[in-house]
Protein backbone atom coordinates (compact mmCIF):
# COMPACT_ATOMS: atom_id res chain seq x y z
CA MET A 1 0.04 0.08 0.01
CA THR A 2 1.49 3.36 -1.01
CA LEU A 3 1.03 6.58 0.87
CA PHE A 4 -1.42 7.85 -1.87
CA ASP A 5 -3.71 4.79 -1.42
CA SER A 6 -3.89 5.15 2.35
CA PRO A 7 -6.83 6.72 4.32
CA TRP A 8 -4.52 9.50 5.27
CA ALA A 9 -4.18 10.67 1.75
CA GLN A 10 -8.03 11.15 1.53
CA LEU A 11 -8.00 13.69 4.34
CA GLY A 12 -6.65 16.68 2.32
CA ALA A 13 -5.09 19.75 3.59
CA VAL A 14 -8.26 20.74 5.73
CA GLY A 15 -8.41 17.35 7.31
CA ILE A 16 -4.75 17.40 8.21
CA VAL A 17 -5.05 20.91 9.81
CA PHE A 18 -8.10 19.69 11.78
CA LEU A 19 -6.35 16.65 12.97
CA LEU A 20 -3.39 18.71 14.02
CA VAL A 21 -5.65 21.08 15.97
CA LEU A 22 -7.46 18.13 17.46
CA LEU A 23 -4.27 16.68 18.69
CA ILE A 24 -3.04 19.94 20.20
CA ALA A 25 -6.44 20.46 21.83
CA THR A 26 -6.56 17.01 23.46
CA GLY A 27 -3.02 17.23 24.71
CA ARG A 28 -1.70 14.47 22.62
CA LEU A 29 0.60 16.79 20.84
CA MET A 30 2.68 19.14 22.95
CA PRO A 31 5.95 20.98 22.85
CA ARG A 32 9.12 19.05 24.01
CA SER A 33 9.76 21.48 26.95
CA THR A 34 6.23 20.87 28.29
CA ALA A 35 6.74 17.12 28.04
CA GLN A 36 10.07 17.32 29.81
CA ASP A 37 8.56 19.37 32.56
CA GLN A 38 5.89 16.72 33.03
CA VAL A 39 8.50 13.94 33.30
CA ASP A 40 10.60 16.12 35.65
CA GLN A 41 7.53 16.64 37.88
CA ALA A 42 6.83 12.90 37.78
CA ASN A 43 10.33 12.04 38.73
CA ALA A 44 10.10 14.60 41.66
CA ASN A 45 6.83 12.95 42.81
CA ALA A 46 8.30 9.35 42.63
CA LYS A 47 11.28 10.62 44.95
CA LEU A 48 8.76 12.10 47.20
CA TRP A 49 6.70 8.87 47.37
CA GLN A 50 9.95 6.98 47.85
CA ALA A 51 10.96 9.02 50.87
CA ALA A 52 7.43 8.60 52.35
CA ALA A 53 7.53 4.86 51.88
CA GLU A 54 11.02 4.62 53.62
CA ALA A 55 9.64 6.73 56.58
CA SER A 56 6.68 4.44 56.88
CA ASP A 57 8.93 1.36 56.86
CA LYS A 58 10.98 2.85 59.68
CA ARG A 59 7.87 3.62 61.66
CA ALA A 60 6.56 0.11 61.20
CA ASP A 61 9.91 -1.28 62.42
CA LEU A 62 10.02 0.96 65.44
CA PHE A 63 6.46 -0.02 66.18
CA GLY A 64 7.39 -3.72 65.94
CA GLU A 65 10.28 -3.16 68.37
CA GLN A 66 8.07 -1.21 70.93
CA LEU A 67 5.46 -3.90 70.71
CA GLY A 68 8.05 -6.55 71.38
CA GLU A 69 9.29 -4.44 74.40
CA ILE A 70 5.78 -4.21 75.73
CA VAL A 71 5.12 -7.92 75.38
CA ALA A 72 8.35 -8.64 77.20
CA ALA A 73 7.35 -6.40 80.00
CA MET A 74 3.97 -7.95 80.28
CA ARG A 75 5.51 -11.36 80.66
CA ALA A 76 7.75 -10.18 83.32
CA VAL A 77 4.70 -8.69 85.29
CA GLU A 78 2.87 -11.94 84.66
CA ALA A 79 5.57 -14.03 86.04
CA LEU A 80 5.93 -11.60 89.07
CA VAL A 81 2.21 -11.90 89.80
CA ARG A 82 2.16 -15.56 89.56
CA THR A 83 4.97 -15.80 92.05
CA SER A 84 3.50 -13.42 94.57
CA PRO A 85 2.67 -15.17 97.88
CA GLY A 86 -0.74 -13.30 98.34
CA ARG A 87 -2.14 -14.70 94.99
CA ALA A 88 -5.56 -16.21 95.28
CA PRO A 89 -6.12 -19.70 93.63
């Protein structure tokens, strides 16, 4: 199929201009600087989310450590209560 037999050849000059305006209006065709700005913004957002995920992981690790310490303290208190002489049966 040659270029002149394709459906694009049937559009004509007005159709091509209309297609170009439609692509610009819908945002599918944009200047390189605008596209680069969007890529840079997406990269910055990715770094922000990565930092937030790392902070959340640290928080979860700290919570797990504290919970382990609380459980160990509860076991010590339970052992103390079980060995106390005034304990009712």
